[in-house]
Amino acid sequence: MGMAVFSDEFIRVFGLTRTELSSAYLFGTLGSALLLTRAGRWYDRYGARVMLVGASVILGATLLLISGLDRLSEEISTGLGLPLAWVSFPLILMGYFGVRLSGQGVLTSASRNVLLVWFERRRGFVTGLRGVFVSLGFSLAPLLLALLIDSFGWRGALWCMAVVVGLGFALVALLLVRDHPHASHLRVDGGRLSASEVAQVKGAEGESSGHAGVGGDSSVSQARSDPVFWMYCSALSMHALFGTAVTFHIVAIFAEAGRSRAAAFAYFLPQAIVSLITNLSASALADHMRLKPLLILMLAAFVVGAWGLTRLDTGWGYWLLVAGFGVGGGLWGVLSNLAFIRHYGALHLGEISGLNTALMVFGSAIGPVLFSLANDHLGSFRAAAMGCLITLVGLLLVALFLRQPRDISPTSARG
């Protein structure tokens, strides 16, 4: 979401067309997606603290690298007598690869997974509090980064981001993160372990009751054979595809509807408010109800948002987009946190959620390209939006009739 704000600046300084930049984003993101399941195994082996610190440093370094790619591209193209686009395309592709792997890949998965093993009874409520930051981050990042670019230029904005993430957040993770409550002699859901319990869990972290899911722990191969897994992956990935595409081309999409650049970035504020309210409400309810109704409501909301996008030139279309993507985005935050630990347990959560993250990253990669190709060959973004609308309707119909036998709330499981 953050890198999408730089699209128009990158098109200008790298000498690329919109489709070429979208293609670089596609291939860089696909490359990162191939490594995310392996990164999930690293999480299961090394823990969240190591992964968060390492990913933060790599992300900061990658942002610094991207900030100088235009100058490097000009030097290489001039020295070799090549067109600028021939040089800048593979370089920005590598930049997108680094950002997507370390940022939306490892940082997103590790920060979500470590919180899930610290809580069980109030897991939905706690992840809802985390969802406040996630929803606000995804919704407000485009607006805040646009202001940062206006104030310091695109290069200065990247420098600011690199310092905050590569130094600031890496230090926060190093000082504050612990992989499991047993590491701090605490119980899951709170309370200190007794001396005898501390002795029992030493050398056996990862096999305690706090790692067990409601339906028992499943391996990644067992999850892959379950249609429910693919239902949630498809629904969550569809949001990644659609939402990233809209953000990536937000200025051009709003211009096509006769709306200004300022209006394009102003859209994120009301959408963030709706998303935040939805996330908090649904998270509090998730501890006491099944997830299937939330999945159905999320897909229905995205259908409404997609319909609104196709009629963005009207006032009611704009507010359907705000409401649909706001409600859907808030529910997406709840389901992306709870779906896999609720259905498959926590023992292999890193690898299972890593596969889901890889699929979401894949969706976010192809979304901008599909919208760009639609605009290039059909003269409008609307055809791509209609394709997303049809796909969402299909997923909604499947979700209505697909049984989810492990979909049991923690309070119900406790009797």
Protein backbone atom coordinates (compact mmCIF):
# COMPACT_ATOMS: atom_id res chain seq x y z
CA MET A 1 0.00 0.00 0.00
CA GLY A 2 2.81 2.40 0.84
CA MET A 3 4.87 1.80 -2.29
CA ALA A 4 1.79 2.31 -4.47
CA VAL A 5 1.81 6.02 -3.58
CA PHE A 6 5.18 6.37 -5.33
CA SER A 7 3.89 4.96 -8.64
CA ASP A 8 3.50 8.25 -10.51
CA GLU A 9 6.90 9.46 -9.28
CA PHE A 10 8.56 6.21 -10.32
CA ILE A 11 6.96 6.36 -13.76
CA ARG A 12 8.47 9.81 -14.22
CA VAL A 13 12.01 9.24 -12.93
CA PHE A 14 12.54 5.71 -14.26
CA GLY A 15 11.23 6.40 -17.75
CA LEU A 16 8.67 3.58 -17.54
CA THR A 17 5.07 3.36 -18.69
CA ARG A 18 2.35 2.55 -16.17
CA THR A 19 2.12 -1.02 -17.48
CA GLU A 20 5.91 -1.47 -17.34
CA LEU A 21 6.03 -0.31 -13.72
CA SER A 22 3.07 -2.55 -12.86
CA SER A 23 4.88 -5.46 -14.53
CA ALA A 24 8.03 -4.80 -12.49
CA TYR A 25 5.83 -4.81 -9.39
CA LEU A 26 4.28 -8.07 -10.57
CA PHE A 27 7.52 -9.96 -11.13
CA GLY A 28 9.21 -8.58 -8.02
CA THR A 29 6.22 -9.56 -5.92
CA LEU A 30 5.91 -13.01 -7.48
CA GLY A 31 9.56 -13.64 -6.70
CA SER A 32 8.98 -12.72 -3.06
CA ALA A 33 5.85 -14.89 -2.88
CA LEU A 34 7.90 -17.97 -3.81
CA LEU A 35 9.96 -17.56 -0.62
CA LEU A 36 7.19 -16.81 1.88
CA THR A 37 6.29 -20.41 2.74
CA ARG A 38 9.99 -21.03 3.42
CA ALA A 39 10.03 -17.85 5.51
CA GLY A 40 7.15 -19.34 7.50
CA ARG A 41 9.31 -22.36 8.28
CA TRP A 42 12.07 -20.00 9.41
CA TYR A 43 9.55 -18.38 11.74
CA ASP A 44 8.62 -21.77 13.21
CA ARG A 45 12.33 -22.50 13.71
CA TYR A 46 13.86 -19.18 14.82
CA GLY A 47 10.88 -17.32 16.29
CA ALA A 48 9.31 -13.91 15.78
CA ARG A 49 12.00 -11.82 17.46
CA VAL A 50 14.75 -12.84 15.05
CA MET A 51 12.46 -12.60 12.01
CA LEU A 52 11.06 -9.17 12.93
CA VAL A 53 14.45 -7.60 13.58
CA GLY A 54 16.01 -9.11 10.45
CA ALA A 55 13.09 -8.18 8.19
CA SER A 56 13.02 -4.61 9.51
CA VAL A 57 16.71 -4.08 8.77
CA ILE A 58 16.36 -5.57 5.29
CA LEU A 59 13.29 -3.44 4.56
CA GLY A 60 15.06 -0.25 5.62
CA ALA A 61 18.09 -1.10 3.49
CA THR A 62 15.86 -1.85 0.50
CA LEU A 63 14.11 1.52 0.79
CA LEU A 64 17.48 3.28 0.83
CA LEU A 65 18.48 1.32 -2.26
CA ILE A 66 15.30 2.30 -4.12
CA SER A 67 15.89 5.97 -3.30
CA GLY A 68 19.04 5.93 -5.43
CA LEU A 69 17.96 3.66 -8.27
CA ASP A 70 17.06 6.53 -10.63
CA ARG A 71 20.59 7.90 -10.48
CA LEU A 72 22.12 4.45 -10.84
CA SER A 73 19.87 3.73 -13.81
CA GLU A 74 20.90 6.97 -15.55
CA GLU A 75 24.60 6.24 -15.04
CA ILE A 76 24.35 2.69 -16.36
CA SER A 77 22.14 3.60 -19.33
CA THR A 78 24.43 6.48 -20.30
CA GLY A 79 27.58 4.40 -19.92
CA LEU A 80 26.27 1.47 -21.95
CA GLY A 81 24.19 3.51 -24.40
CA LEU A 82 20.98 1.69 -23.47
CA PRO A 83 17.47 3.09 -23.17
CA LEU A 84 16.74 4.16 -19.60
CA ALA A 85 13.77 1.80 -19.26
CA TRP A 86 15.94 -1.24 -20.08
CA VAL A 87 18.08 -0.53 -17.03
CA SER A 88 15.53 0.85 -14.60
CA PHE A 89 13.03 -2.00 -15.10
CA PRO A 90 15.17 -4.81 -13.57
CA LEU A 91 16.47 -2.50 -10.84
CA ILE A 92 13.05 -1.39 -9.59
CA LEU A 93 11.90 -5.02 -9.93
CA MET A 94 14.59 -6.01 -7.41
CA GLY A 95 13.50 -3.16 -5.17
CA TYR A 96 9.90 -4.34 -5.20
CA PHE A 97 11.13 -7.88 -4.45
CA GLY A 98 12.94 -6.74 -1.32
CA VAL A 99 10.07 -4.59 -0.07
CA ARG A 100 7.43 -7.25 -0.59
CA LEU A 101 9.44 -10.09 0.93
CA SER A 102 10.59 -8.27 4.05
CA GLY A 103 7.65 -5.91 4.51
CA GLN A 104 4.23 -7.22 3.63
CA GLY A 105 5.59 -10.76 3.70
CA VAL A 106 7.75 -11.50 6.75
CA LEU A 107 6.89 -8.48 8.93
CA THR A 108 3.16 -8.93 8.45
CA SER A 109 3.15 -12.68 9.12
CA ALA A 110 5.57 -12.67 12.05
CA SER A 111 3.88 -9.79 13.89
CA ARG A 112 0.50 -11.47 13.52
CA ASN A 113 1.62 -14.97 14.49
CA VAL A 114 3.54 -14.02 17.63
CA LEU A 115 0.50 -12.28 19.08
CA LEU A 116 -1.73 -15.29 18.44
CA VAL A 117 0.32 -17.64 20.64
CA TRP A 118 0.20 -15.26 23.62
CA PHE A 119 -3.61 -15.38 23.83
CA GLU A 120 -6.35 -17.94 23.36
CA ARG A 121 -9.52 -17.14 25.32
CA ARG A 122 -9.62 -13.47 24.22
CA ARG A 123 -7.65 -13.95 21.02
CA GLY A 124 -10.26 -12.23 18.87
CA PHE A 125 -10.44 -9.15 21.08
CA VAL A 126 -6.65 -8.82 21.30
CA THR A 127 -6.15 -9.22 17.56
CA GLY A 128 -8.85 -6.61 17.14
CA LEU A 129 -6.71 -4.14 19.06
CA ARG A 130 -3.83 -5.03 16.76
CA GLY A 131 -6.25 -4.62 13.88
CA VAL A 132 -6.68 -0.97 14.83
CA PHE A 133 -3.10 -0.35 13.79
CA VAL A 134 -3.32 -2.64 10.77
CA SER A 135 -6.51 -1.06 9.44
CA LEU A 136 -5.32 2.47 10.09
CA GLY A 137 -1.94 1.64 8.61
CA PHE A 138 -3.33 0.21 5.39
CA SER A 139 -5.94 2.92 5.06
CA LEU A 140 -3.94 5.99 6.08
CA ALA A 141 -0.51 5.08 4.71
CA PRO A 142 -1.32 6.35 1.20
CA LEU A 143 -2.57 9.67 2.58
CA LEU A 144 0.31 10.16 5.03
CA LEU A 145 2.97 9.16 2.52
CA ALA A 146 1.47 11.48 -0.09
CA LEU A 147 1.86 14.31 2.43
CA LEU A 148 5.43 13.16 3.13
CA ILE A 149 6.22 13.20 -0.59
CA ASP A 150 4.73 16.68 -0.94
CA SER A 151 6.90 17.90 1.97
CA PHE A 152 10.24 16.17 1.29
CA GLY A 153 10.00 14.76 -2.23
CA TRP A 154 9.79 11.09 -3.11
CA ARG A 155 13.46 10.45 -2.27
CA GLY A 156 13.23 12.16 1.12
CA ALA A 157 10.07 10.23 1.91
CA LEU A 158 11.88 6.95 1.28
CA TRP A 159 14.74 8.05 3.54
CA CYS A 160 12.29 8.83 6.35
CA MET A 161 10.64 5.44 5.96
CA ALA A 162 14.01 3.66 5.95
CA VAL A 163 15.08 5.29 9.23
CA VAL A 164 11.76 4.64 10.98
CA VAL A 165 11.59 0.98 9.91
CA GLY A 166 15.22 -0.09 9.54
CA LEU A 167 16.41 1.48 12.79
CA GLY A 168 13.38 2.42 14.86
CA PHE A 169 11.17 -0.63 14.50
CA ALA A 170 14.10 -3.07 14.48
CA LEU A 171 15.12 -1.69 17.89
CA VAL A 172 11.55 -1.90 19.21
CA ALA A 173 11.29 -5.53 18.11
CA LEU A 174 14.66 -6.41 19.63
CA LEU A 175 13.77 -4.91 23.01
CA LEU A 176 10.10 -5.84 23.37
CA VAL A 177 9.28 -9.01 21.41
CA ARG A 178 9.37 -12.46 23.03
CA ASP A 179 8.46 -15.51 20.99
CA HIS A 180 6.19 -17.17 23.55
CA PRO A 181 4.84 -16.36 27.04
CA HIS A 182 6.87 -19.25 28.48
CA ALA A 183 10.02 -17.33 27.54
CA SER A 184 8.99 -14.76 30.16
CA HIS A 185 7.71 -17.38 32.65
CA LEU A 186 4.11 -16.42 31.87
CA ARG A 187 1.00 -18.39 30.97
CA VAL A 188 -1.03 -18.03 27.80
CA ASP A 189 -3.75 -15.42 28.54
CA GLY A 190 -1.80 -14.09 31.56
CA GLY A 191 -0.51 -15.13 34.97
CA ARG A 192 2.94 -16.31 36.05
CA LEU A 193 4.13 -19.92 35.88
CA SER A 194 5.08 -21.66 39.08
CA ALA A 195 8.65 -22.85 39.62
CA SER A 196 7.70 -26.44 38.78
CA GLU A 197 5.91 -25.35 35.61
CA VAL A 198 8.93 -23.31 34.54
CA ALA A 199 11.10 -26.41 34.90
CA GLN A 200 8.66 -28.46 32.82
CA VAL A 201 8.52 -26.06 29.89
CA LYS A 202 12.26 -25.41 29.64
CA GLY A 203 13.53 -27.02 26.48
CA ALA A 204 10.00 -27.88 25.40
CA GLU A 205 8.59 -24.56 24.21
CA GLY A 206 6.40 -25.08 21.20
CA GLU A 207 4.82 -28.24 22.63
CA SER A 208 2.83 -26.72 25.48
CA SER A 209 -0.93 -26.44 25.62
CA GLY A 210 -0.72 -22.81 24.64
CA HIS A 211 0.19 -23.88 21.13
CA ALA A 212 -2.86 -25.99 20.60
CA GLY A 213 -5.68 -24.76 18.40
CA VAL A 214 -9.32 -25.43 19.08
CA GLY A 215 -9.54 -28.11 16.45
CA GLY A 216 -6.07 -29.60 17.08
CA ASP A 217 -2.86 -28.88 15.23
CA SER A 218 -2.59 -29.63 11.53
CA SER A 219 0.41 -29.80 9.22
CA VAL A 220 0.66 -27.62 6.13
CA SER A 221 -0.08 -30.64 3.91
CA GLN A 222 -3.28 -31.32 5.85
CA ALA A 223 -4.29 -27.68 5.52
CA ARG A 224 -3.65 -27.77 1.76
CA SER A 225 -6.06 -30.71 1.39
CA ASP A 226 -8.88 -28.81 3.12
CA PRO A 227 -11.30 -26.81 0.89
CA VAL A 228 -11.89 -24.42 3.79
CA PHE A 229 -8.23 -23.39 3.67
CA TRP A 230 -8.52 -22.47 0.00
CA MET A 231 -11.78 -20.65 0.61
CA TYR A 232 -10.18 -18.33 3.14
CA CYS A 233 -7.01 -17.97 1.07
CA SER A 234 -9.04 -17.03 -2.01
CA ALA A 235 -11.19 -14.51 -0.17
CA LEU A 236 -8.24 -12.87 1.60
CA SER A 237 -6.16 -12.85 -1.60
CA MET A 238 -8.98 -11.28 -3.56
CA HIS A 239 -8.92 -8.33 -1.22
CA ALA A 240 -5.15 -8.09 -1.67
CA LEU A 241 -5.56 -8.13 -5.45
CA PHE A 242 -8.41 -5.64 -5.63
CA GLY A 243 -7.31 -3.32 -2.85
CA THR A 244 -3.71 -3.08 -4.02
CA ALA A 245 -4.78 -2.45 -7.62
CA VAL A 246 -7.07 0.40 -6.60
CA THR A 247 -4.39 1.95 -4.38
CA PHE A 248 -1.67 1.49 -7.00
CA HIS A 249 -3.71 3.39 -9.61
CA ILE A 250 -5.78 5.54 -7.24
CA VAL A 251 -4.97 8.88 -8.85
CA ALA A 252 -5.62 7.61 -12.39
CA ILE A 253 -8.84 5.81 -11.36
CA PHE A 254 -10.23 8.93 -9.72
CA ALA A 255 -9.14 11.08 -12.67
CA GLU A 256 -11.07 8.77 -14.99
CA ALA A 257 -14.14 9.41 -12.84
CA GLY A 258 -13.58 13.18 -13.04
CA ARG A 259 -12.14 13.50 -9.53
CA SER A 260 -8.94 15.25 -8.44
CA ARG A 261 -5.71 13.89 -6.92
CA ALA A 262 -6.66 15.48 -3.61
CA ALA A 263 -10.01 13.69 -3.70
CA ALA A 264 -8.24 10.40 -4.46
CA PHE A 265 -6.11 10.52 -1.33
CA ALA A 266 -8.92 12.00 0.78
CA TYR A 267 -10.90 8.82 0.09
CA PHE A 268 -8.66 6.87 2.47
CA LEU A 269 -9.73 8.78 5.58
CA PRO A 270 -13.46 7.86 5.69
CA GLN A 271 -12.60 4.37 4.52
CA ALA A 272 -10.17 4.04 7.44
CA ILE A 273 -12.81 5.15 9.94
CA VAL A 274 -15.32 2.57 8.67
CA SER A 275 -12.63 -0.12 8.63
CA LEU A 276 -11.56 0.67 12.20
CA ILE A 277 -15.08 0.55 13.62
CA THR A 278 -15.79 -2.71 11.79
CA ASN A 279 -12.56 -4.31 12.93
CA LEU A 280 -13.09 -3.51 16.61
CA SER A 281 -16.71 -4.66 16.58
CA ALA A 282 -16.06 -7.90 14.70
CA SER A 283 -12.99 -8.77 16.77
CA ALA A 284 -14.94 -8.49 20.02
CA LEU A 285 -17.66 -10.75 18.59
CA ALA A 286 -15.26 -13.30 17.08
CA ASP A 287 -14.45 -14.82 20.49
CA HIS A 288 -18.11 -15.78 20.87
CA MET A 289 -19.17 -16.78 17.35
CA ARG A 290 -18.18 -18.73 14.29
CA LEU A 291 -16.07 -17.10 11.57
CA LYS A 292 -18.25 -18.14 8.63
CA PRO A 293 -20.76 -15.27 9.02
CA LEU A 294 -17.85 -12.81 9.09
CA LEU A 295 -16.43 -14.36 5.92
CA ILE A 296 -19.78 -14.03 4.16
CA LEU A 297 -20.20 -10.45 5.32
CA MET A 298 -16.68 -9.56 4.18
CA LEU A 299 -17.27 -10.87 0.67
CA ALA A 300 -20.67 -9.15 0.48
CA ALA A 301 -19.04 -5.87 1.52
CA PHE A 302 -16.39 -6.19 -1.17
CA VAL A 303 -19.14 -6.82 -3.72
CA VAL A 304 -20.74 -3.54 -2.68
CA GLY A 305 -17.38 -1.77 -2.87
CA ALA A 306 -16.65 -3.18 -6.33
CA TRP A 307 -20.05 -2.03 -7.56
CA GLY A 308 -19.35 1.42 -6.18
CA LEU A 309 -15.99 1.55 -7.99
CA THR A 310 -17.69 0.89 -11.32
CA ARG A 311 -19.89 3.96 -10.65
CA LEU A 312 -17.26 6.20 -9.07
CA ASP A 313 -18.40 9.12 -11.22
CA THR A 314 -21.54 9.35 -9.07
CA GLY A 315 -21.87 10.45 -5.47
CA TRP A 316 -23.54 7.25 -4.34
CA GLY A 317 -20.88 5.17 -6.10
CA TYR A 318 -18.15 6.91 -4.12
CA TRP A 319 -19.86 6.18 -0.79
CA LEU A 320 -20.52 2.55 -1.77
CA LEU A 321 -16.78 2.25 -2.40
CA VAL A 322 -15.99 3.80 0.99
CA ALA A 323 -18.50 1.63 2.87
CA GLY A 324 -17.78 -1.60 1.01
CA PHE A 325 -14.00 -1.43 1.19
CA GLY A 326 -14.15 -0.06 4.73
CA VAL A 327 -16.34 -2.85 6.11
CA GLY A 328 -14.58 -5.49 4.00
CA GLY A 329 -11.14 -4.28 5.02
CA GLY A 330 -12.05 -4.33 8.72
CA LEU A 331 -13.34 -7.89 8.47
CA TRP A 332 -10.31 -8.88 6.42
CA GLY A 333 -8.14 -7.84 9.38
CA VAL A 334 -10.12 -10.12 11.70
CA LEU A 335 -10.17 -13.16 9.41
CA SER A 336 -6.54 -12.92 8.34
CA ASN A 337 -5.62 -13.07 12.04
CA LEU A 338 -7.97 -15.79 13.27
CA ALA A 339 -8.91 -18.10 10.40
CA PHE A 340 -5.84 -20.33 10.32
CA ILE A 341 -5.08 -20.68 14.02
CA ARG A 342 -8.79 -21.32 14.67
CA HIS A 343 -8.93 -24.10 12.06
CA TYR A 344 -5.43 -25.60 12.17
CA GLY A 345 -3.81 -24.74 15.51
CA ALA A 346 -0.52 -23.00 16.24
CA LEU A 347 2.14 -25.70 15.98
CA HIS A 348 2.70 -25.13 12.25
CA LEU A 349 1.12 -21.70 12.11
CA GLY A 350 4.17 -20.03 10.56
CA GLU A 351 4.26 -22.35 7.56
CA ILE A 352 0.48 -22.46 7.06
CA SER A 353 0.03 -18.71 7.34
CA GLY A 354 3.16 -18.28 5.22
CA LEU A 355 1.47 -20.13 2.38
CA ASN A 356 -1.59 -17.91 2.73
CA THR A 357 0.63 -14.82 2.78
CA ALA A 358 2.37 -16.02 -0.38
CA LEU A 359 -1.01 -16.31 -2.11
CA MET A 360 -2.08 -12.87 -0.88
CA VAL A 361 1.18 -11.37 -2.09
CA PHE A 362 0.64 -13.10 -5.44
CA GLY A 363 -2.82 -11.53 -5.64
CA SER A 364 -1.47 -8.11 -4.79
CA ALA A 365 1.11 -8.56 -7.56
CA ILE A 366 -1.26 -9.30 -10.41
CA GLY A 367 -3.92 -6.75 -9.40
CA PRO A 368 -2.10 -3.60 -10.59
CA VAL A 369 -1.11 -5.26 -13.87
CA LEU A 370 -4.67 -6.42 -14.61
CA PHE A 371 -6.01 -2.92 -14.03
CA SER A 372 -3.23 -1.37 -16.09
CA LEU A 373 -3.80 -3.74 -19.01
CA ALA A 374 -7.53 -3.07 -18.89
CA ASN A 375 -6.84 0.64 -19.07
CA ASP A 376 -4.32 0.22 -21.92
CA HIS A 377 -6.38 -2.07 -24.14
CA LEU A 378 -9.96 -1.19 -23.20
CA GLY A 379 -9.46 2.48 -22.41
CA SER A 380 -10.84 2.21 -18.89
CA PHE A 381 -10.25 0.66 -15.47
CA ARG A 382 -13.91 -0.30 -15.26
CA ALA A 383 -13.52 -3.66 -17.05
CA ALA A 384 -11.03 -4.82 -14.42
CA ALA A 385 -13.35 -3.68 -11.65
CA MET A 386 -16.20 -5.64 -13.23
CA GLY A 387 -13.99 -8.74 -13.39
CA CYS A 388 -13.28 -8.38 -9.67
CA LEU A 389 -16.98 -7.91 -8.97
CA ILE A 390 -17.90 -11.14 -10.78
CA THR A 391 -15.15 -13.08 -8.98
CA LEU A 392 -16.30 -11.78 -5.60
CA VAL A 393 -19.88 -12.83 -6.30
CA GLY A 394 -18.62 -16.34 -7.13
CA LEU A 395 -16.61 -16.55 -3.91
CA LEU A 396 -19.62 -15.33 -1.94
CA LEU A 397 -21.79 -18.12 -3.32
CA VAL A 398 -19.19 -20.75 -2.45
CA ALA A 399 -18.77 -19.36 1.08
CA LEU A 400 -22.51 -19.56 1.69
CA PHE A 401 -22.65 -23.32 1.13
CA LEU A 402 -19.18 -24.54 2.21
CA ARG A 403 -19.22 -26.35 5.57
CA GLN A 404 -16.58 -25.42 8.15
CA PRO A 405 -16.57 -28.21 10.78
CA ARG A 406 -13.68 -26.73 12.81
CA ASP A 407 -15.23 -23.27 12.97
CA ILE A 408 -15.80 -23.17 16.75
CA SER A 409 -15.33 -20.13 18.97
CA PRO A 410 -12.96 -20.39 21.99
CA THR A 411 -15.81 -19.75 24.44
CA SER A 412 -17.92 -22.52 22.86
CA ALA A 413 -14.98 -24.93 22.92
CA ARG A 414 -14.54 -24.32 26.66
CA GLY A 415 -18.14 -25.34 27.26
